[in-house]
Amino acid sequence: MGRFARPSTLVGIAAPMAVWALHFVVLYSLQGLTCGEGWSQRGASLAMVALTAPALAAIAWLGLRARRTARTAAGDPAARRVRFAAQATGLCAVLATVAVLFTVVPVLLLPVCR
């Protein structure tokens, strides 16, 4: 990742939510294809759960990186901006984690196709 994807930039702040959005699109696209094309529902459920682990790992990495950035920021005004943006990134990571789990729970509890 380049300089623009640091936790203190707008792209960095939005990155955890982008991971969730990608996870959401892939899961529900796979669900639609499974029902529409007659694919194995058990295989699709396993694939959906398997896709959740990398999404949660990426969000955790972004959150931990933001936490490290927030802790190392000093007290001058520019550093306070960096610390605030890093804290916002961390909060977005928490929100994205909840959103990913909220997205995958129906896969675990309900059949893929009704």
C-alpha atoms as a PDB file:
ATOM      1  CA  MET A   1       0.000   0.000   0.000  1.00  0.00           C
ATOM      2  CA  GLY A   2       1.215   3.434  -0.809  1.00  0.00           C
ATOM      3  CA  ARG A   3       1.283   6.628   1.162  1.00  0.00           C
ATOM      4  CA  PHE A   4      -2.361   7.358   0.296  1.00  0.00           C
ATOM      5  CA  ALA A   5      -3.604   4.246   2.165  1.00  0.00           C
ATOM      6  CA  ARG A   6      -2.183   5.150   5.574  1.00  0.00           C
ATOM      7  CA  PRO A   7      -4.688   5.106   8.453  1.00  0.00           C
ATOM      8  CA  SER A   8      -4.432   8.903   8.609  1.00  0.00           C
ATOM      9  CA  THR A   9      -5.814   9.480   5.098  1.00  0.00           C
ATOM     10  CA  LEU A  10      -9.363   9.360   3.797  1.00  0.00           C
ATOM     11  CA  VAL A  11      -8.607   6.199   1.809  1.00  0.00           C
ATOM     12  CA  GLY A  12      -7.141   4.624   4.936  1.00  0.00           C
ATOM     13  CA  ILE A  13     -10.193   5.559   6.985  1.00  0.00           C
ATOM     14  CA  ALA A  14     -12.527   4.042   4.380  1.00  0.00           C
ATOM     15  CA  ALA A  15     -10.456   0.878   3.831  1.00  0.00           C
ATOM     16  CA  PRO A  16     -12.146  -1.309   6.497  1.00  0.00           C
ATOM     17  CA  MET A  17     -15.580  -0.440   5.137  1.00  0.00           C
ATOM     18  CA  ALA A  18     -14.361  -1.168   1.596  1.00  0.00           C
ATOM     19  CA  VAL A  19     -13.296  -4.646   2.742  1.00  0.00           C
ATOM     20  CA  TRP A  20     -16.759  -5.184   4.214  1.00  0.00           C
ATOM     21  CA  ALA A  21     -18.428  -3.942   1.016  1.00  0.00           C
ATOM     22  CA  LEU A  22     -16.350  -6.315  -1.108  1.00  0.00           C
ATOM     23  CA  HIS A  23     -17.182  -9.191   1.251  1.00  0.00           C
ATOM     24  CA  PHE A  24     -20.884  -8.298   1.072  1.00  0.00           C
ATOM     25  CA  VAL A  25     -20.929  -8.171  -2.739  1.00  0.00           C
ATOM     26  CA  VAL A  26     -19.020 -11.442  -3.122  1.00  0.00           C
ATOM     27  CA  LEU A  27     -21.189 -13.307  -0.613  1.00  0.00           C
ATOM     28  CA  TYR A  28     -24.501 -12.230  -2.072  1.00  0.00           C
ATOM     29  CA  SER A  29     -23.297 -12.687  -5.653  1.00  0.00           C
ATOM     30  CA  LEU A  30     -22.262 -16.231  -4.779  1.00  0.00           C
ATOM     31  CA  GLN A  31     -25.628 -16.787  -3.128  1.00  0.00           C
ATOM     32  CA  GLY A  32     -27.476 -15.571  -6.220  1.00  0.00           C
ATOM     33  CA  LEU A  33     -25.369 -17.711  -8.537  1.00  0.00           C
ATOM     34  CA  THR A  34     -25.878 -20.753  -6.321  1.00  0.00           C
ATOM     35  CA  CYS A  35     -29.646 -20.406  -6.442  1.00  0.00           C
ATOM     36  CA  GLY A  36     -29.818 -19.378 -10.089  1.00  0.00           C
ATOM     37  CA  GLU A  37     -27.405 -21.941 -11.510  1.00  0.00           C
ATOM     38  CA  GLY A  38     -28.262 -24.858  -9.225  1.00  0.00           C
ATOM     39  CA  TRP A  39     -24.830 -25.124  -7.604  1.00  0.00           C
ATOM     40  CA  SER A  40     -24.277 -27.154  -4.441  1.00  0.00           C
ATOM     41  CA  GLN A  41     -25.759 -25.273  -1.514  1.00  0.00           C
ATOM     42  CA  ARG A  42     -23.450 -26.939   0.999  1.00  0.00           C
ATOM     43  CA  GLY A  43     -20.390 -26.054  -1.081  1.00  0.00           C
ATOM     44  CA  ALA A  44     -21.589 -22.475  -1.449  1.00  0.00           C
ATOM     45  CA  SER A  45     -22.131 -22.163   2.303  1.00  0.00           C
ATOM     46  CA  LEU A  46     -18.636 -23.470   2.990  1.00  0.00           C
ATOM     47  CA  ALA A  47     -17.169 -21.079   0.406  1.00  0.00           C
ATOM     48  CA  MET A  48     -19.021 -18.151   1.957  1.00  0.00           C
ATOM     49  CA  VAL A  49     -17.727 -18.986   5.427  1.00  0.00           C
ATOM     50  CA  ALA A  50     -14.222 -19.507   4.023  1.00  0.00           C
ATOM     51  CA  LEU A  51     -14.338 -16.061   2.387  1.00  0.00           C
ATOM     52  CA  THR A  52     -15.139 -14.499   5.740  1.00  0.00           C
ATOM     53  CA  ALA A  53     -11.785 -15.392   7.321  1.00  0.00           C
ATOM     54  CA  PRO A  54      -9.641 -13.316   4.910  1.00  0.00           C
ATOM     55  CA  ALA A  55     -12.064 -10.393   5.189  1.00  0.00           C
ATOM     56  CA  LEU A  56     -11.845 -10.434   8.983  1.00  0.00           C
ATOM     57  CA  ALA A  57      -8.055 -10.802   8.805  1.00  0.00           C
ATOM     58  CA  ALA A  58      -7.754  -7.782   6.499  1.00  0.00           C
ATOM     59  CA  ILE A  59      -9.995  -5.693   8.742  1.00  0.00           C
ATOM     60  CA  ALA A  60      -8.026  -6.750  11.818  1.00  0.00           C
ATOM     61  CA  TRP A  61      -4.763  -5.808  10.102  1.00  0.00           C
ATOM     62  CA  LEU A  62      -6.146  -2.384   9.165  1.00  0.00           C
ATOM     63  CA  GLY A  63      -7.421  -1.853  12.714  1.00  0.00           C
ATOM     64  CA  LEU A  64      -4.162  -2.865  14.354  1.00  0.00           C
ATOM     65  CA  ARG A  65      -2.199  -0.675  11.980  1.00  0.00           C
ATOM     66  CA  ALA A  66      -4.490   2.241  12.853  1.00  0.00           C
ATOM     67  CA  ARG A  67      -4.046   1.547  16.560  1.00  0.00           C
ATOM     68  CA  ARG A  68      -0.261   1.551  16.183  1.00  0.00           C
ATOM     69  CA  THR A  69      -0.422   4.840  14.252  1.00  0.00           C
ATOM     70  CA  ALA A  70      -2.672   6.439  16.878  1.00  0.00           C
ATOM     71  CA  ARG A  71      -0.342   5.412  19.699  1.00  0.00           C
ATOM     72  CA  THR A  72       2.802   6.744  18.032  1.00  0.00           C
ATOM     73  CA  ALA A  73       1.345  10.153  17.159  1.00  0.00           C
ATOM     74  CA  ALA A  74       2.797  12.915  19.344  1.00  0.00           C
ATOM     75  CA  GLY A  75       1.031  15.992  20.711  1.00  0.00           C
ATOM     76  CA  ASP A  76       1.595  18.701  18.081  1.00  0.00           C
ATOM     77  CA  PRO A  77      -1.423  19.819  15.964  1.00  0.00           C
ATOM     78  CA  ALA A  78      -0.427  17.808  12.878  1.00  0.00           C
ATOM     79  CA  ALA A  79       0.039  14.696  14.993  1.00  0.00           C
ATOM     80  CA  ARG A  80      -3.350  15.225  16.644  1.00  0.00           C
ATOM     81  CA  ARG A  81      -4.949  15.149  13.192  1.00  0.00           C
ATOM     82  CA  VAL A  82      -3.098  11.928  12.399  1.00  0.00           C
ATOM     83  CA  ARG A  83      -4.164  10.431  15.747  1.00  0.00           C
ATOM     84  CA  PHE A  84      -7.803  11.410  15.192  1.00  0.00           C
ATOM     85  CA  ALA A  85      -7.830   9.934  11.671  1.00  0.00           C
ATOM     86  CA  ALA A  86      -6.182   6.746  12.932  1.00  0.00           C
ATOM     87  CA  GLN A  87      -8.771   6.469  15.698  1.00  0.00           C
ATOM     88  CA  ALA A  88     -11.520   6.945  13.102  1.00  0.00           C
ATOM     89  CA  THR A  89      -9.944   4.149  11.066  1.00  0.00           C
ATOM     90  CA  GLY A  90      -9.935   1.919  14.148  1.00  0.00           C
ATOM     91  CA  LEU A  91     -13.594   2.637  14.810  1.00  0.00           C
ATOM     92  CA  CYS A  92     -14.416   1.878  11.174  1.00  0.00           C
ATOM     93  CA  ALA A  93     -12.549  -1.410  11.579  1.00  0.00           C
ATOM     94  CA  VAL A  94     -14.719  -2.301  14.569  1.00  0.00           C
ATOM     95  CA  LEU A  95     -17.856  -1.355  12.632  1.00  0.00           C
ATOM     96  CA  ALA A  96     -16.702  -3.333   9.589  1.00  0.00           C
ATOM     97  CA  THR A  97     -16.047  -6.397  11.767  1.00  0.00           C
ATOM     98  CA  VAL A  98     -19.577  -6.242  13.137  1.00  0.00           C
ATOM     99  CA  ALA A  99     -20.933  -5.751   9.609  1.00  0.00           C
ATOM    100  CA  VAL A 100     -19.022  -8.765   8.240  1.00  0.00           C
ATOM    101  CA  LEU A 101     -20.287 -10.946  11.075  1.00  0.00           C
ATOM    102  CA  PHE A 102     -23.811  -9.616  10.564  1.00  0.00           C
ATOM    103  CA  THR A 103     -23.527 -10.477   6.858  1.00  0.00           C
ATOM    104  CA  VAL A 104     -22.298 -14.036   7.419  1.00  0.00           C
ATOM    105  CA  VAL A 105     -24.742 -15.011  10.199  1.00  0.00           C
ATOM    106  CA  PRO A 106     -27.633 -15.726   7.765  1.00  0.00           C
ATOM    107  CA  VAL A 107     -25.294 -18.027   5.834  1.00  0.00           C
ATOM    108  CA  LEU A 108     -24.756 -20.025   9.011  1.00  0.00           C
ATOM    109  CA  LEU A 109     -28.374 -20.085  10.150  1.00  0.00           C
ATOM    110  CA  LEU A 110     -30.458 -20.305   6.961  1.00  0.00           C
ATOM    111  CA  PRO A 111     -30.374 -22.384   3.793  1.00  0.00           C
ATOM    112  CA  VAL A 112     -28.735 -20.645   0.846  1.00  0.00           C
ATOM    113  CA  CYS A 113     -31.817 -20.992  -1.372  1.00  0.00           C
ATOM    114  CA  ARG A 114     -35.436 -21.017  -0.286  1.00  0.00           C
END
